[in-house]
């Protein structure tokens, strides 16, 4: 099971973000990204919301840095770690625009882009952008197929697309928390990024389907980990994700400042390395 980082600062959810993140900026973000890369973390994330209703912001948080701008910035300060949208809302984008914009990022970053895509969950945001709420599921399926077909192609439907991605195969990870989202991931994607589910629920859902080889199951421990103050608890929660079927654990970290955060990343990497591989039945 690989370990990845739910990038701090760029998304600040109440109860998840630490106080230091509210005043942090590019310097702190660069320090975190470079440390994660040096420690061998699999990827950095950035989520997408254009505008969060003020009532919803009390639970979801308000800061949501733009993923294309943010991941481009992180690409310029790293060289190996993958860059994952977690997640883009399919209905907010034309698939060809995503193939062009993120394909350009893929070219600039040396092929490090992972496209996490979701159906969307904020009706008010759909209305704000003029997107179709009722048809969002079918639109997401079409979007995924269209992005897959256009990715890395120099010509699409008679239009030249330059620059384009470094390869013709982009990792597509599908967000959600339902059996339907898992089925969408198996039918259209290369991985599943669920949220808000307990390890037992995840294991049950994954046990009910045939998961092909190479398919990524990208799980989160939920609450931030404290590898220094509660190493035993962090190890227990990571092991539970492994047992549920995770191939990647995307973690948030509690810390007092950016230096403490980076020290915590080192401790987390050590903990993750101590977890034995899951035994296959």
C-alpha atoms as a PDB file:
ATOM      1  CA  UNK A   1       0.000   0.000   0.000  1.00  0.00           C
ATOM      2  CA  UNK A   2       1.426   3.333  -1.097  1.00  0.00           C
ATOM      3  CA  UNK A   3       1.066   6.513   0.936  1.00  0.00           C
ATOM      4  CA  UNK A   4      -0.042   9.816  -0.550  1.00  0.00           C
ATOM      5  CA  UNK A   5      -0.742  13.270   0.768  1.00  0.00           C
ATOM      6  CA  UNK A   6      -3.994  15.180   0.941  1.00  0.00           C
ATOM      7  CA  UNK A   7      -2.237  18.477   0.303  1.00  0.00           C
ATOM      8  CA  UNK A   8      -2.630  20.959   3.158  1.00  0.00           C
ATOM      9  CA  UNK A   9      -3.448  24.648   2.697  1.00  0.00           C
ATOM     10  CA  UNK A  10      -5.188  24.219  -0.680  1.00  0.00           C
ATOM     11  CA  UNK A  11      -8.315  22.751   0.934  1.00  0.00           C
ATOM     12  CA  UNK A  12      -9.200  23.695   4.501  1.00  0.00           C
ATOM     13  CA  UNK A  13     -12.055  21.649   5.898  1.00  0.00           C
ATOM     14  CA  UNK A  14     -13.172  22.354   9.491  1.00  0.00           C
ATOM     15  CA  UNK A  15     -11.883  19.660  11.814  1.00  0.00           C
ATOM     16  CA  UNK A  16      -9.261  18.565   9.285  1.00  0.00           C
ATOM     17  CA  UNK A  17      -7.093  21.610   8.565  1.00  0.00           C
ATOM     18  CA  UNK A  18      -4.642  22.799  11.215  1.00  0.00           C
ATOM     19  CA  UNK A  19      -4.544  26.434  12.330  1.00  0.00           C
ATOM     20  CA  UNK A  20      -1.205  27.171  10.599  1.00  0.00           C
ATOM     21  CA  UNK A  21      -2.765  26.492   7.194  1.00  0.00           C
ATOM     22  CA  UNK A  22      -4.993  29.572   7.355  1.00  0.00           C
ATOM     23  CA  UNK A  23      -2.028  31.924   6.898  1.00  0.00           C
ATOM     24  CA  UNK A  24       0.205  29.643   4.829  1.00  0.00           C
ATOM     25  CA  UNK A  25       1.043  30.312   1.205  1.00  0.00           C
ATOM     26  CA  UNK A  26       3.351  29.285  -1.652  1.00  0.00           C
ATOM     27  CA  UNK A  27       6.501  28.921   0.465  1.00  0.00           C
ATOM     28  CA  UNK A  28       4.891  26.492   2.902  1.00  0.00           C
ATOM     29  CA  UNK A  29       3.211  24.609   0.079  1.00  0.00           C
ATOM     30  CA  UNK A  30       6.533  24.210  -1.718  1.00  0.00           C
ATOM     31  CA  UNK A  31       8.223  22.949   1.449  1.00  0.00           C
ATOM     32  CA  UNK A  32       5.513  20.343   1.994  1.00  0.00           C
ATOM     33  CA  UNK A  33       5.539  19.169  -1.627  1.00  0.00           C
ATOM     34  CA  UNK A  34       9.312  18.790  -1.770  1.00  0.00           C
ATOM     35  CA  UNK A  35       9.382  16.936   1.543  1.00  0.00           C
ATOM     36  CA  UNK A  36       6.639  14.545   0.431  1.00  0.00           C
ATOM     37  CA  UNK A  37       8.520  13.847  -2.777  1.00  0.00           C
ATOM     38  CA  UNK A  38      11.813  13.237  -0.971  1.00  0.00           C
ATOM     39  CA  UNK A  39      10.061  10.768   1.334  1.00  0.00           C
ATOM     40  CA  UNK A  40       8.586   8.823  -1.580  1.00  0.00           C
ATOM     41  CA  UNK A  41       4.907   9.759  -1.240  1.00  0.00           C
ATOM     42  CA  UNK A  42       2.843   8.659  -4.228  1.00  0.00           C
ATOM     43  CA  UNK A  43       0.901  11.815  -5.049  1.00  0.00           C
ATOM     44  CA  UNK A  44      -0.322  15.243  -4.008  1.00  0.00           C
ATOM     45  CA  UNK A  45      -3.981  16.220  -4.346  1.00  0.00           C
ATOM     46  CA  UNK A  46      -6.092  19.255  -5.073  1.00  0.00           C
ATOM     47  CA  UNK A  47      -9.900  19.352  -4.993  1.00  0.00           C
ATOM     48  CA  UNK A  48     -12.335  21.460  -6.997  1.00  0.00           C
ATOM     49  CA  UNK A  49     -15.110  23.817  -5.979  1.00  0.00           C
ATOM     50  CA  UNK A  50     -15.797  27.013  -7.888  1.00  0.00           C
ATOM     51  CA  UNK A  51     -18.014  28.455  -5.182  1.00  0.00           C
ATOM     52  CA  UNK A  52     -19.274  26.908  -1.949  1.00  0.00           C
ATOM     53  CA  UNK A  53     -22.619  28.061  -0.544  1.00  0.00           C
ATOM     54  CA  UNK A  54     -21.958  29.944   2.677  1.00  0.00           C
ATOM     55  CA  UNK A  55     -24.079  27.527   4.716  1.00  0.00           C
ATOM     56  CA  UNK A  56     -22.238  24.522   3.285  1.00  0.00           C
ATOM     57  CA  UNK A  57     -18.865  26.166   3.889  1.00  0.00           C
ATOM     58  CA  UNK A  58     -19.321  25.689   7.624  1.00  0.00           C
ATOM     59  CA  UNK A  59     -18.962  21.947   7.071  1.00  0.00           C
ATOM     60  CA  UNK A  60     -17.005  21.748   3.812  1.00  0.00           C
ATOM     61  CA  UNK A  61     -14.729  24.725   4.389  1.00  0.00           C
ATOM     62  CA  UNK A  62     -14.281  27.741   2.148  1.00  0.00           C
ATOM     63  CA  UNK A  63     -10.726  27.701   0.697  1.00  0.00           C
ATOM     64  CA  UNK A  64     -10.547  25.532  -2.414  1.00  0.00           C
ATOM     65  CA  UNK A  65      -7.548  26.489  -4.520  1.00  0.00           C
ATOM     66  CA  UNK A  66      -8.000  25.970  -8.245  1.00  0.00           C
ATOM     67  CA  UNK A  67      -6.583  22.528  -9.099  1.00  0.00           C
ATOM     68  CA  UNK A  68      -5.031  23.369 -12.474  1.00  0.00           C
ATOM     69  CA  UNK A  69      -3.188  26.432 -11.163  1.00  0.00           C
ATOM     70  CA  UNK A  70      -2.194  24.679  -7.936  1.00  0.00           C
ATOM     71  CA  UNK A  71      -0.961  21.444  -9.488  1.00  0.00           C
ATOM     72  CA  UNK A  72       0.940  23.440 -12.119  1.00  0.00           C
ATOM     73  CA  UNK A  73       2.680  25.334  -9.318  1.00  0.00           C
ATOM     74  CA  UNK A  74       3.491  22.079  -7.511  1.00  0.00           C
ATOM     75  CA  UNK A  75       4.776  20.543 -10.745  1.00  0.00           C
ATOM     76  CA  UNK A  76       7.285  23.364 -11.060  1.00  0.00           C
ATOM     77  CA  UNK A  77       8.684  22.648  -7.589  1.00  0.00           C
ATOM     78  CA  UNK A  78       8.862  18.840  -7.824  1.00  0.00           C
ATOM     79  CA  UNK A  79      10.049  16.286 -10.363  1.00  0.00           C
ATOM     80  CA  UNK A  80       8.663  12.824  -9.482  1.00  0.00           C
ATOM     81  CA  UNK A  81       5.580  12.882  -7.265  1.00  0.00           C
ATOM     82  CA  UNK A  82       2.256  12.447  -9.065  1.00  0.00           C
ATOM     83  CA  UNK A  83      -0.308  15.256  -9.255  1.00  0.00           C
ATOM     84  CA  UNK A  84      -3.923  14.195  -8.715  1.00  0.00           C
ATOM     85  CA  UNK A  85      -7.184  16.085  -9.004  1.00  0.00           C
ATOM     86  CA  UNK A  86      -9.326  14.845  -6.148  1.00  0.00           C
ATOM     87  CA  UNK A  87     -11.673  15.450  -7.745  1.00  0.00           C
ATOM     88  CA  UNK A  88     -12.771  17.446 -10.795  1.00  0.00           C
ATOM     89  CA  UNK A  89     -16.549  17.708 -11.171  1.00  0.00           C
ATOM     90  CA  UNK A  90     -17.290  16.301 -14.627  1.00  0.00           C
ATOM     91  CA  UNK A  91     -20.312  18.472 -15.387  1.00  0.00           C
ATOM     92  CA  UNK A  92     -18.320  21.691 -14.924  1.00  0.00           C
ATOM     93  CA  UNK A  93     -16.002  20.964 -17.875  1.00  0.00           C
ATOM     94  CA  UNK A  94     -15.926  20.140 -21.556  1.00  0.00           C
ATOM     95  CA  UNK A  95     -13.896  16.918 -21.902  1.00  0.00           C
ATOM     96  CA  UNK A  96     -11.756  18.310 -24.699  1.00  0.00           C
ATOM     97  CA  UNK A  97     -10.873  21.354 -22.597  1.00  0.00           C
ATOM     98  CA  UNK A  98      -9.745  19.053 -19.782  1.00  0.00           C
ATOM     99  CA  UNK A  99      -7.711  16.929 -22.188  1.00  0.00           C
ATOM    100  CA  UNK A 100      -5.997  20.089 -23.480  1.00  0.00           C
ATOM    101  CA  UNK A 101      -5.450  21.884 -20.153  1.00  0.00           C
ATOM    102  CA  UNK A 102      -4.412  18.913 -18.066  1.00  0.00           C
ATOM    103  CA  UNK A 103      -2.633  17.372 -21.045  1.00  0.00           C
ATOM    104  CA  UNK A 104      -0.490  20.505 -21.117  1.00  0.00           C
ATOM    105  CA  UNK A 105       0.184  20.049 -17.398  1.00  0.00           C
ATOM    106  CA  UNK A 106       1.050  16.416 -18.075  1.00  0.00           C
ATOM    107  CA  UNK A 107       3.578  17.574 -20.680  1.00  0.00           C
ATOM    108  CA  UNK A 108       5.042  20.201 -18.362  1.00  0.00           C
ATOM    109  CA  UNK A 109       5.287  17.772 -15.436  1.00  0.00           C
ATOM    110  CA  UNK A 110       6.750  14.849 -17.348  1.00  0.00           C
ATOM    111  CA  UNK A 111       3.664  12.643 -17.346  1.00  0.00           C
ATOM    112  CA  UNK A 112       2.658  12.940 -13.701  1.00  0.00           C
ATOM    113  CA  UNK A 113      -1.047  13.835 -13.983  1.00  0.00           C
ATOM    114  CA  UNK A 114      -3.784  11.678 -12.443  1.00  0.00           C
ATOM    115  CA  UNK A 115      -7.338  12.786 -13.217  1.00  0.00           C
ATOM    116  CA  UNK A 116      -9.687  12.165 -10.331  1.00  0.00           C
ATOM    117  CA  UNK A 117     -13.260  12.825 -11.467  1.00  0.00           C
ATOM    118  CA  UNK A 118     -16.544  12.960  -9.586  1.00  0.00           C
ATOM    119  CA  UNK A 119     -20.231  13.412 -10.333  1.00  0.00           C
ATOM    120  CA  UNK A 120     -20.659  16.368  -7.940  1.00  0.00           C
ATOM    121  CA  UNK A 121     -22.654  16.906  -4.769  1.00  0.00           C
ATOM    122  CA  UNK A 122     -23.553  20.598  -4.492  1.00  0.00           C
ATOM    123  CA  UNK A 123     -26.821  21.390  -6.278  1.00  0.00           C
ATOM    124  CA  UNK A 124     -26.324  25.128  -5.636  1.00  0.00           C
ATOM    125  CA  UNK A 125     -22.936  25.073  -7.338  1.00  0.00           C
ATOM    126  CA  UNK A 126     -24.439  23.355 -10.371  1.00  0.00           C
ATOM    127  CA  UNK A 127     -27.033  26.115 -10.569  1.00  0.00           C
ATOM    128  CA  UNK A 128     -24.345  28.772 -10.210  1.00  0.00           C
ATOM    129  CA  UNK A 129     -22.480  27.362 -13.218  1.00  0.00           C
ATOM    130  CA  UNK A 130     -25.540  26.464 -15.282  1.00  0.00           C
ATOM    131  CA  UNK A 131     -24.710  22.749 -15.133  1.00  0.00           C
ATOM    132  CA  UNK A 132     -27.329  19.985 -15.316  1.00  0.00           C
ATOM    133  CA  UNK A 133     -27.899  18.543 -11.853  1.00  0.00           C
ATOM    134  CA  UNK A 134     -30.412  15.829 -12.728  1.00  0.00           C
ATOM    135  CA  UNK A 135     -28.365  14.398 -15.578  1.00  0.00           C
ATOM    136  CA  UNK A 136     -24.989  14.564 -13.865  1.00  0.00           C
ATOM    137  CA  UNK A 137     -24.466  10.790 -13.673  1.00  0.00           C
ATOM    138  CA  UNK A 138     -24.873  10.170 -17.386  1.00  0.00           C
ATOM    139  CA  UNK A 139     -22.870  13.301 -18.146  1.00  0.00           C
ATOM    140  CA  UNK A 140     -20.010  11.967 -16.023  1.00  0.00           C
ATOM    141  CA  UNK A 141     -19.986   8.664 -17.915  1.00  0.00           C
ATOM    142  CA  UNK A 142     -19.842  10.517 -21.236  1.00  0.00           C
ATOM    143  CA  UNK A 143     -17.139  12.841 -19.912  1.00  0.00           C
ATOM    144  CA  UNK A 144     -14.928   9.954 -18.813  1.00  0.00           C
ATOM    145  CA  UNK A 145     -15.191   8.175 -22.152  1.00  0.00           C
ATOM    146  CA  UNK A 146     -14.576  11.411 -24.071  1.00  0.00           C
ATOM    147  CA  UNK A 147     -11.517  12.369 -22.010  1.00  0.00           C
ATOM    148  CA  UNK A 148     -10.145   8.855 -22.419  1.00  0.00           C
ATOM    149  CA  UNK A 149     -10.566   9.067 -26.194  1.00  0.00           C
ATOM    150  CA  UNK A 150      -9.020  12.544 -26.484  1.00  0.00           C
ATOM    151  CA  UNK A 151      -6.144  12.190 -24.033  1.00  0.00           C
ATOM    152  CA  UNK A 152      -2.735  12.361 -25.658  1.00  0.00           C
ATOM    153  CA  UNK A 153      -4.158  12.665 -29.166  1.00  0.00           C
ATOM    154  CA  UNK A 154      -2.766  15.240 -31.577  1.00  0.00           C
ATOM    155  CA  UNK A 155      -6.050  15.331 -33.513  1.00  0.00           C
ATOM    156  CA  UNK A 156      -9.609  14.886 -32.230  1.00  0.00           C
ATOM    157  CA  UNK A 157     -12.694  15.120 -34.465  1.00  0.00           C
ATOM    158  CA  UNK A 158     -10.806  17.073 -37.097  1.00  0.00           C
ATOM    159  CA  UNK A 159      -9.217  19.527 -34.656  1.00  0.00           C
ATOM    160  CA  UNK A 160      -5.501  19.674 -33.941  1.00  0.00           C
ATOM    161  CA  UNK A 161      -4.771  19.595 -30.196  1.00  0.00           C
ATOM    162  CA  UNK A 162      -1.293  20.832 -29.355  1.00  0.00           C
ATOM    163  CA  UNK A 163       0.310  20.408 -26.969  1.00  0.00           C
ATOM    164  CA  UNK A 164      -1.162  17.137 -25.769  1.00  0.00           C
ATOM    165  CA  UNK A 165      -0.343  14.713 -22.982  1.00  0.00           C
ATOM    166  CA  UNK A 166       2.832  12.639 -22.930  1.00  0.00           C
ATOM    167  CA  UNK A 167       0.946   9.351 -23.394  1.00  0.00           C
ATOM    168  CA  UNK A 168      -2.465   8.227 -24.636  1.00  0.00           C
ATOM    169  CA  UNK A 169      -3.450   6.700 -21.305  1.00  0.00           C
ATOM    170  CA  UNK A 170      -4.229   8.870 -18.278  1.00  0.00           C
ATOM    171  CA  UNK A 171      -5.030   7.310 -14.883  1.00  0.00           C
ATOM    172  CA  UNK A 172      -8.721   8.069 -14.284  1.00  0.00           C
ATOM    173  CA  UNK A 173      -9.820   7.737 -10.655  1.00  0.00           C
ATOM    174  CA  UNK A 174     -13.519   8.021  -9.869  1.00  0.00           C
ATOM    175  CA  UNK A 175     -14.776   9.681  -6.697  1.00  0.00           C
ATOM    176  CA  UNK A 176     -17.963   8.859  -4.805  1.00  0.00           C
ATOM    177  CA  UNK A 177     -19.289   6.808  -1.932  1.00  0.00           C
ATOM    178  CA  UNK A 178     -21.911   4.576  -3.530  1.00  0.00           C
ATOM    179  CA  UNK A 179     -21.903   1.199  -5.208  1.00  0.00           C
ATOM    180  CA  UNK A 180     -22.755   3.088  -8.397  1.00  0.00           C
ATOM    181  CA  UNK A 181     -19.554   5.134  -8.129  1.00  0.00           C
ATOM    182  CA  UNK A 182     -17.545   1.927  -7.724  1.00  0.00           C
ATOM    183  CA  UNK A 183     -19.240   0.432 -10.773  1.00  0.00           C
ATOM    184  CA  UNK A 184     -18.514   3.640 -12.725  1.00  0.00           C
ATOM    185  CA  UNK A 185     -14.862   3.351 -11.704  1.00  0.00           C
ATOM    186  CA  UNK A 186     -14.673  -0.265 -12.840  1.00  0.00           C
ATOM    187  CA  UNK A 187     -16.449   0.467 -16.138  1.00  0.00           C
ATOM    188  CA  UNK A 188     -14.771   3.739 -17.070  1.00  0.00           C
ATOM    189  CA  UNK A 189     -11.714   4.274 -14.879  1.00  0.00           C
ATOM    190  CA  UNK A 190      -8.515   2.941 -13.409  1.00  0.00           C
ATOM    191  CA  UNK A 191      -9.253   3.554  -9.734  1.00  0.00           C
ATOM    192  CA  UNK A 192     -11.829   4.452  -7.108  1.00  0.00           C
ATOM    193  CA  UNK A 193     -11.530   7.312  -4.596  1.00  0.00           C
ATOM    194  CA  UNK A 194     -14.406   6.928  -2.115  1.00  0.00           C
ATOM    195  CA  UNK A 195     -15.069   9.216   0.840  1.00  0.00           C
ATOM    196  CA  UNK A 196     -17.035   9.108   4.066  1.00  0.00           C
ATOM    197  CA  UNK A 197     -17.172   5.303   4.362  1.00  0.00           C
ATOM    198  CA  UNK A 198     -15.898   3.117   7.204  1.00  0.00           C
ATOM    199  CA  UNK A 199     -13.268   0.466   6.428  1.00  0.00           C
ATOM    200  CA  UNK A 200     -15.820  -2.314   7.002  1.00  0.00           C
ATOM    201  CA  UNK A 201     -18.209  -0.727   4.488  1.00  0.00           C
ATOM    202  CA  UNK A 202     -15.420  -0.341   1.975  1.00  0.00           C
ATOM    203  CA  UNK A 203     -14.312  -3.948   2.373  1.00  0.00           C
ATOM    204  CA  UNK A 204     -17.893  -5.150   1.881  1.00  0.00           C
ATOM    205  CA  UNK A 205     -18.374  -3.089  -1.285  1.00  0.00           C
ATOM    206  CA  UNK A 206     -15.052  -4.155  -2.750  1.00  0.00           C
ATOM    207  CA  UNK A 207     -15.711  -7.785  -1.844  1.00  0.00           C
ATOM    208  CA  UNK A 208     -18.902  -7.736  -3.921  1.00  0.00           C
ATOM    209  CA  UNK A 209     -17.125  -6.956  -7.202  1.00  0.00           C
ATOM    210  CA  UNK A 210     -14.262  -8.306  -9.258  1.00  0.00           C
ATOM    211  CA  UNK A 211     -11.413  -5.822  -8.980  1.00  0.00           C
ATOM    212  CA  UNK A 212      -8.983  -6.188 -11.898  1.00  0.00           C
ATOM    213  CA  UNK A 213      -5.240  -6.176 -11.499  1.00  0.00           C
ATOM    214  CA  UNK A 214      -3.734  -2.729 -11.506  1.00  0.00           C
ATOM    215  CA  UNK A 215      -6.952  -1.075 -10.375  1.00  0.00           C
ATOM    216  CA  UNK A 216      -6.194   1.530  -7.687  1.00  0.00           C
ATOM    217  CA  UNK A 217      -8.289   1.700  -4.535  1.00  0.00           C
ATOM    218  CA  UNK A 218      -7.438   5.084  -3.049  1.00  0.00           C
ATOM    219  CA  UNK A 219      -8.707   5.344   0.519  1.00  0.00           C
ATOM    220  CA  UNK A 220      -8.431   7.917   3.271  1.00  0.00           C
ATOM    221  CA  UNK A 221      -8.259   7.355   7.033  1.00  0.00           C
ATOM    222  CA  UNK A 222     -10.749  10.205   7.477  1.00  0.00           C
ATOM    223  CA  UNK A 223      -9.560  12.266  10.410  1.00  0.00           C
ATOM    224  CA  UNK A 224      -6.013  13.656  10.255  1.00  0.00           C
ATOM    225  CA  UNK A 225      -3.268  11.355  11.476  1.00  0.00           C
ATOM    226  CA  UNK A 226      -0.854  12.292  14.259  1.00  0.00           C
ATOM    227  CA  UNK A 227       2.128   9.983  13.652  1.00  0.00           C
ATOM    228  CA  UNK A 228       4.164  11.593  16.430  1.00  0.00           C
ATOM    229  CA  UNK A 229       1.562  11.993  19.162  1.00  0.00           C
ATOM    230  CA  UNK A 230      -0.424   8.835  18.381  1.00  0.00           C
ATOM    231  CA  UNK A 231       1.761   6.504  16.345  1.00  0.00           C
ATOM    232  CA  UNK A 232      -0.174   3.442  17.479  1.00  0.00           C
ATOM    233  CA  UNK A 233      -3.477   4.951  16.394  1.00  0.00           C
ATOM    234  CA  UNK A 234      -2.068   6.073  13.042  1.00  0.00           C
ATOM    235  CA  UNK A 235      -0.649   2.617  12.385  1.00  0.00           C
ATOM    236  CA  UNK A 236      -3.939   0.972  13.341  1.00  0.00           C
ATOM    237  CA  UNK A 237      -5.947   3.187  10.983  1.00  0.00           C
ATOM    238  CA  UNK A 238      -3.542   2.685   8.088  1.00  0.00           C
ATOM    239  CA  UNK A 239      -3.607  -1.074   8.619  1.00  0.00           C
ATOM    240  CA  UNK A 240      -7.414  -0.983   8.558  1.00  0.00           C
ATOM    241  CA  UNK A 241      -7.281   0.692   5.150  1.00  0.00           C
ATOM    242  CA  UNK A 242      -4.866  -1.936   3.890  1.00  0.00           C
ATOM    243  CA  UNK A 243      -7.178  -4.670   5.144  1.00  0.00           C
ATOM    244  CA  UNK A 244     -10.158  -2.989   3.453  1.00  0.00           C
ATOM    245  CA  UNK A 245      -8.349  -3.250   0.120  1.00  0.00           C
ATOM    246  CA  UNK A 246      -6.498   0.048  -0.262  1.00  0.00           C
ATOM    247  CA  UNK A 247      -3.667   0.201  -2.753  1.00  0.00           C
ATOM    248  CA  UNK A 248      -3.034   3.855  -1.827  1.00  0.00           C
ATOM    249  CA  UNK A 249      -3.796   5.688   1.437  1.00  0.00           C
ATOM    250  CA  UNK A 250      -4.203   9.451   0.997  1.00  0.00           C
ATOM    251  CA  UNK A 251      -3.578  11.045   4.369  1.00  0.00           C
ATOM    252  CA  UNK A 252      -4.076  14.367   6.116  1.00  0.00           C
ATOM    253  CA  UNK A 253      -1.724  15.283   8.964  1.00  0.00           C
ATOM    254  CA  UNK A 254      -2.186  17.305  12.125  1.00  0.00           C
ATOM    255  CA  UNK A 255       0.661  19.697  12.956  1.00  0.00           C
ATOM    256  CA  UNK A 256       1.468  22.956  14.738  1.00  0.00           C
ATOM    257  CA  UNK A 257       3.329  24.598  11.828  1.00  0.00           C
ATOM    258  CA  UNK A 258       4.880  23.715   8.496  1.00  0.00           C
ATOM    259  CA  UNK A 259       8.140  22.438  10.015  1.00  0.00           C
ATOM    260  CA  UNK A 260       6.215  20.187  12.371  1.00  0.00           C
ATOM    261  CA  UNK A 261       4.082  19.078   9.429  1.00  0.00           C
ATOM    262  CA  UNK A 262       7.126  18.014   7.428  1.00  0.00           C
ATOM    263  CA  UNK A 263       8.566  16.200  10.449  1.00  0.00           C
ATOM    264  CA  UNK A 264       5.234  14.389  10.781  1.00  0.00           C
ATOM    265  CA  UNK A 265       5.474  13.333   7.147  1.00  0.00           C
ATOM    266  CA  UNK A 266       8.768  11.636   7.926  1.00  0.00           C
ATOM    267  CA  UNK A 267       7.237   9.763  10.844  1.00  0.00           C
ATOM    268  CA  UNK A 268       4.269   8.768   8.696  1.00  0.00           C
ATOM    269  CA  UNK A 269       6.576   7.386   6.021  1.00  0.00           C
ATOM    270  CA  UNK A 270       8.346   5.276   8.643  1.00  0.00           C
ATOM    271  CA  UNK A 271       5.022   3.960   9.975  1.00  0.00           C
ATOM    272  CA  UNK A 272       3.791   3.101   6.500  1.00  0.00           C
ATOM    273  CA  UNK A 273       6.978   1.202   5.760  1.00  0.00           C
ATOM    274  CA  UNK A 274       6.369  -0.987   8.823  1.00  0.00           C
ATOM    275  CA  UNK A 275       2.972  -2.245   7.611  1.00  0.00           C
ATOM    276  CA  UNK A 276       3.300  -5.721   6.078  1.00  0.00           C
ATOM    277  CA  UNK A 277       1.699  -6.470   2.732  1.00  0.00           C
ATOM    278  CA  UNK A 278      -1.880  -7.734   2.851  1.00  0.00           C
ATOM    279  CA  UNK A 279      -2.075 -11.498   2.570  1.00  0.00           C
ATOM    280  CA  UNK A 280      -4.079 -12.634  -0.446  1.00  0.00           C
ATOM    281  CA  UNK A 281      -6.693 -15.295   0.189  1.00  0.00           C
END
